């Protein structure tokens, strides 16, 4: 089993998941007030 392949696909998964969450946060904050994470 190639650990490098596993790590690559896992990384892509988390990047895509994180990007989805980020976009969803922006969508919600644009339609409903200030960004919760803007102060950090």
PDB file of N, CA and C in Angstrom:
ATOM      1  N   UNK A   1       0.848  -1.210   0.000  1.00  0.00           N
ATOM      2  CA  UNK A   1       0.000   0.000   0.000  1.00  0.00           C
ATOM      3  C   UNK A   1       0.879   1.254   0.000  1.00  0.00           C
ATOM      4  N   UNK A   2       0.539   2.199  -0.849  1.00  0.00           N
ATOM      5  CA  UNK A   2       1.329   3.423  -0.958  1.00  0.00           C
ATOM      6  C   UNK A   2       0.819   4.470   0.030  1.00  0.00           C
ATOM      7  N   UNK A   3       1.621   4.736   1.053  1.00  0.00           N
ATOM      8  CA  UNK A   3       1.192   5.730   2.044  1.00  0.00           C
ATOM      9  C   UNK A   3       1.147   7.124   1.450  1.00  0.00           C
ATOM     10  N   UNK A   4       2.008   7.398   0.476  1.00  0.00           N
ATOM     11  CA  UNK A   4       2.032   8.716  -0.156  1.00  0.00           C
ATOM     12  C   UNK A   4       0.731   8.959  -0.929  1.00  0.00           C
ATOM     13  N   UNK A   5       0.227   7.924  -1.589  1.00  0.00           N
ATOM     14  CA  UNK A   5      -1.037   8.057  -2.315  1.00  0.00           C
ATOM     15  C   UNK A   5      -2.185   8.289  -1.338  1.00  0.00           C
ATOM     16  N   UNK A   6      -2.154   7.567  -0.223  1.00  0.00           N
ATOM     17  CA  UNK A   6      -3.198   7.710   0.783  1.00  0.00           C
ATOM     18  C   UNK A   6      -3.184   9.114   1.378  1.00  0.00           C
ATOM     19  N   UNK A   7      -1.996   9.600   1.682  1.00  0.00           N
ATOM     20  CA  UNK A   7      -1.870  10.945   2.246  1.00  0.00           C
ATOM     21  C   UNK A   7      -2.333  11.998   1.242  1.00  0.00           C
ATOM     22  N   UNK A   8      -2.006  11.787  -0.026  1.00  0.00           N
ATOM     23  CA  UNK A   8      -2.398  12.740  -1.052  1.00  0.00           C
ATOM     24  C   UNK A   8      -3.909  12.841  -1.191  1.00  0.00           C
ATOM     25  N   UNK A   9      -4.577  11.701  -1.240  1.00  0.00           N
ATOM     26  CA  UNK A   9      -6.030  11.699  -1.397  1.00  0.00           C
ATOM     27  C   UNK A   9      -6.705  12.227  -0.141  1.00  0.00           C
ATOM     28  N   UNK A  10      -6.133  11.921   1.020  1.00  0.00           N
ATOM     29  CA  UNK A  10      -6.691  12.423   2.276  1.00  0.00           C
ATOM     30  C   UNK A  10      -6.542  13.934   2.357  1.00  0.00           C
ATOM     31  N   UNK A  11      -5.387  14.431   1.928  1.00  0.00           N
ATOM     32  CA  UNK A  11      -5.147  15.876   1.930  1.00  0.00           C
ATOM     33  C   UNK A  11      -6.131  16.571   1.004  1.00  0.00           C
ATOM     34  N   UNK A  12      -6.323  16.033  -0.182  1.00  0.00           N
ATOM     35  CA  UNK A  12      -7.282  16.605  -1.133  1.00  0.00           C
ATOM     36  C   UNK A  12      -8.676  16.634  -0.526  1.00  0.00           C
ATOM     37  N   UNK A  13      -9.032  15.562   0.204  1.00  0.00           N
ATOM     38  CA  UNK A  13     -10.350  15.487   0.834  1.00  0.00           C
ATOM     39  C   UNK A  13     -10.529  16.604   1.855  1.00  0.00           C
ATOM     40  N   UNK A  14      -9.542  16.788   2.714  1.00  0.00           N
ATOM     41  CA  UNK A  14      -9.648  17.807   3.766  1.00  0.00           C
ATOM     42  C   UNK A  14      -9.588  19.207   3.185  1.00  0.00           C
ATOM     43  N   UNK A  15      -8.809  19.395   2.128  1.00  0.00           N
ATOM     44  CA  UNK A  15      -8.761  20.710   1.475  1.00  0.00           C
ATOM     45  C   UNK A  15     -10.124  21.045   0.882  1.00  0.00           C
ATOM     46  N   UNK A  16     -10.717  20.084   0.187  1.00  0.00           N
ATOM     47  CA  UNK A  16     -12.029  20.296  -0.419  1.00  0.00           C
ATOM     48  C   UNK A  16     -13.083  20.531   0.653  1.00  0.00           C
ATOM     49  N   UNK A  17     -13.011  19.766   1.735  1.00  0.00           N
ATOM     50  CA  UNK A  17     -13.964  19.919   2.836  1.00  0.00           C
ATOM     51  C   UNK A  17     -13.818  21.292   3.479  1.00  0.00           C
ATOM     52  N   UNK A  18     -12.565  21.696   3.732  1.00  0.00           N
ATOM     53  CA  UNK A  18     -12.316  22.987   4.352  1.00  0.00           C
ATOM     54  C   UNK A  18     -12.777  24.136   3.462  1.00  0.00           C
ATOM     55  N   UNK A  19     -12.534  24.008   2.160  1.00  0.00           N
ATOM     56  CA  UNK A  19     -12.947  25.032   1.218  1.00  0.00           C
ATOM     57  C   UNK A  19     -14.462  25.147   1.182  1.00  0.00           C
ATOM     58  N   UNK A  20     -15.142  24.011   1.221  1.00  0.00           N
ATOM     59  CA  UNK A  20     -16.604  23.999   1.237  1.00  0.00           C
ATOM     60  C   UNK A  20     -17.135  24.709   2.478  1.00  0.00           C
ATOM     61  N   UNK A  21     -16.547  24.400   3.634  1.00  0.00           N
ATOM     62  CA  UNK A  21     -16.958  25.042   4.885  1.00  0.00           C
ATOM     63  C   UNK A  21     -16.702  26.543   4.834  1.00  0.00           C
ATOM     64  N   UNK A  22     -15.549  26.928   4.277  1.00  0.00           N
ATOM     65  CA  UNK A  22     -15.177  28.339   4.180  1.00  0.00           C
ATOM     66  C   UNK A  22     -16.175  29.104   3.315  1.00  0.00           C
ATOM     67  N   UNK A  23     -16.510  28.553   2.162  1.00  0.00           N
ATOM     68  CA  UNK A  23     -17.460  29.190   1.257  1.00  0.00           C
ATOM     69  C   UNK A  23     -18.835  29.289   1.904  1.00  0.00           C
ATOM     70  N   UNK A  24     -19.222  28.234   2.623  1.00  0.00           N
ATOM     71  CA  UNK A  24     -20.529  28.238   3.286  1.00  0.00           C
ATOM     72  C   UNK A  24     -20.573  29.308   4.370  1.00  0.00           C
ATOM     73  N   UNK A  25     -19.479  29.487   5.102  1.00  0.00           N
ATOM     74  CA  UNK A  25     -19.398  30.533   6.123  1.00  0.00           C
ATOM     75  C   UNK A  25     -19.556  31.910   5.486  1.00  0.00           C
ATOM     76  N   UNK A  26     -18.861  32.139   4.374  1.00  0.00           N
ATOM     77  CA  UNK A  26     -18.945  33.419   3.682  1.00  0.00           C
ATOM     78  C   UNK A  26     -20.376  33.671   3.203  1.00  0.00           C
ATOM     79  N   UNK A  27     -21.018  32.663   2.666  1.00  0.00           N
ATOM     80  CA  UNK A  27     -22.390  32.794   2.171  1.00  0.00           C
ATOM     81  C   UNK A  27     -23.336  33.179   3.302  1.00  0.00           C
ATOM     82  N   UNK A  28     -23.183  32.506   4.427  1.00  0.00           N
ATOM     83  CA  UNK A  28     -24.054  32.785   5.576  1.00  0.00           C
ATOM     84  C   UNK A  28     -23.809  34.182   6.132  1.00  0.00           C
ATOM     85  N   UNK A  29     -22.545  34.564   6.247  1.00  0.00           N
ATOM     86  CA  UNK A  29     -22.234  35.862   6.834  1.00  0.00           C
ATOM     87  C   UNK A  29     -22.614  36.997   5.882  1.00  0.00           C
ATOM     88  N   UNK A  30     -22.492  36.786   4.588  1.00  0.00           N
ATOM     89  CA  UNK A  30     -22.895  37.804   3.607  1.00  0.00           C
ATOM     90  C   UNK A  30     -24.389  38.063   3.685  1.00  0.00           C
ATOM     91  N   UNK A  31     -25.163  37.012   3.948  1.00  0.00           N
ATOM     92  CA  UNK A  31     -26.615  37.162   3.964  1.00  0.00           C
ATOM     93  C   UNK A  31     -27.152  37.420   5.372  1.00  0.00           C
ATOM     94  N   UNK A  32     -26.292  37.273   6.388  1.00  0.00           N
ATOM     95  CA  UNK A  32     -26.806  37.391   7.752  1.00  0.00           C
ATOM     96  C   UNK A  32     -25.894  38.140   8.714  1.00  0.00           C
ATOM     97  N   UNK A  33     -25.171  39.168   8.261  1.00  0.00           N
ATOM     98  CA  UNK A  33     -24.400  39.976   9.187  1.00  0.00           C
ATOM     99  C   UNK A  33     -22.900  39.837   9.086  1.00  0.00           C
ATOM    100  N   UNK A  34     -22.215  40.166  10.193  1.00  0.00           N
ATOM    101  CA  UNK A  34     -20.762  40.184  10.209  1.00  0.00           C
ATOM    102  C   UNK A  34     -20.183  38.779  10.220  1.00  0.00           C
ATOM    103  N   UNK A  35     -18.952  38.644   9.736  1.00  0.00           N
ATOM    104  CA  UNK A  35     -18.249  37.371   9.751  1.00  0.00           C
ATOM    105  C   UNK A  35     -17.798  37.055  11.178  1.00  0.00           C
ATOM    106  N   UNK A  36     -18.081  35.824  11.618  1.00  0.00           N
ATOM    107  CA  UNK A  36     -17.723  35.419  12.979  1.00  0.00           C
ATOM    108  C   UNK A  36     -16.213  35.365  13.155  1.00  0.00           C
ATOM    109  N   UNK A  37     -15.496  35.049  12.081  1.00  0.00           N
ATOM    110  CA  UNK A  37     -14.051  34.854  12.152  1.00  0.00           C
ATOM    111  C   UNK A  37     -13.252  36.084  11.712  1.00  0.00           C
ATOM    112  N   UNK A  38     -13.927  37.207  11.519  1.00  0.00           N
ATOM    113  CA  UNK A  38     -13.245  38.387  11.004  1.00  0.00           C
ATOM    114  C   UNK A  38     -12.331  39.019  12.052  1.00  0.00           C
ATOM    115  N   UNK A  39     -12.616  38.801  13.325  1.00  0.00           N
ATOM    116  CA  UNK A  39     -11.826  39.420  14.389  1.00  0.00           C
ATOM    117  C   UNK A  39     -10.510  38.676  14.633  1.00  0.00           C
ATOM    118  N   UNK A  40     -10.437  37.417  14.214  1.00  0.00           N
ATOM    119  CA  UNK A  40      -9.243  36.628  14.491  1.00  0.00           C
ATOM    120  C   UNK A  40      -8.118  36.957  13.506  1.00  0.00           C
TER     121      UNK A  40
END
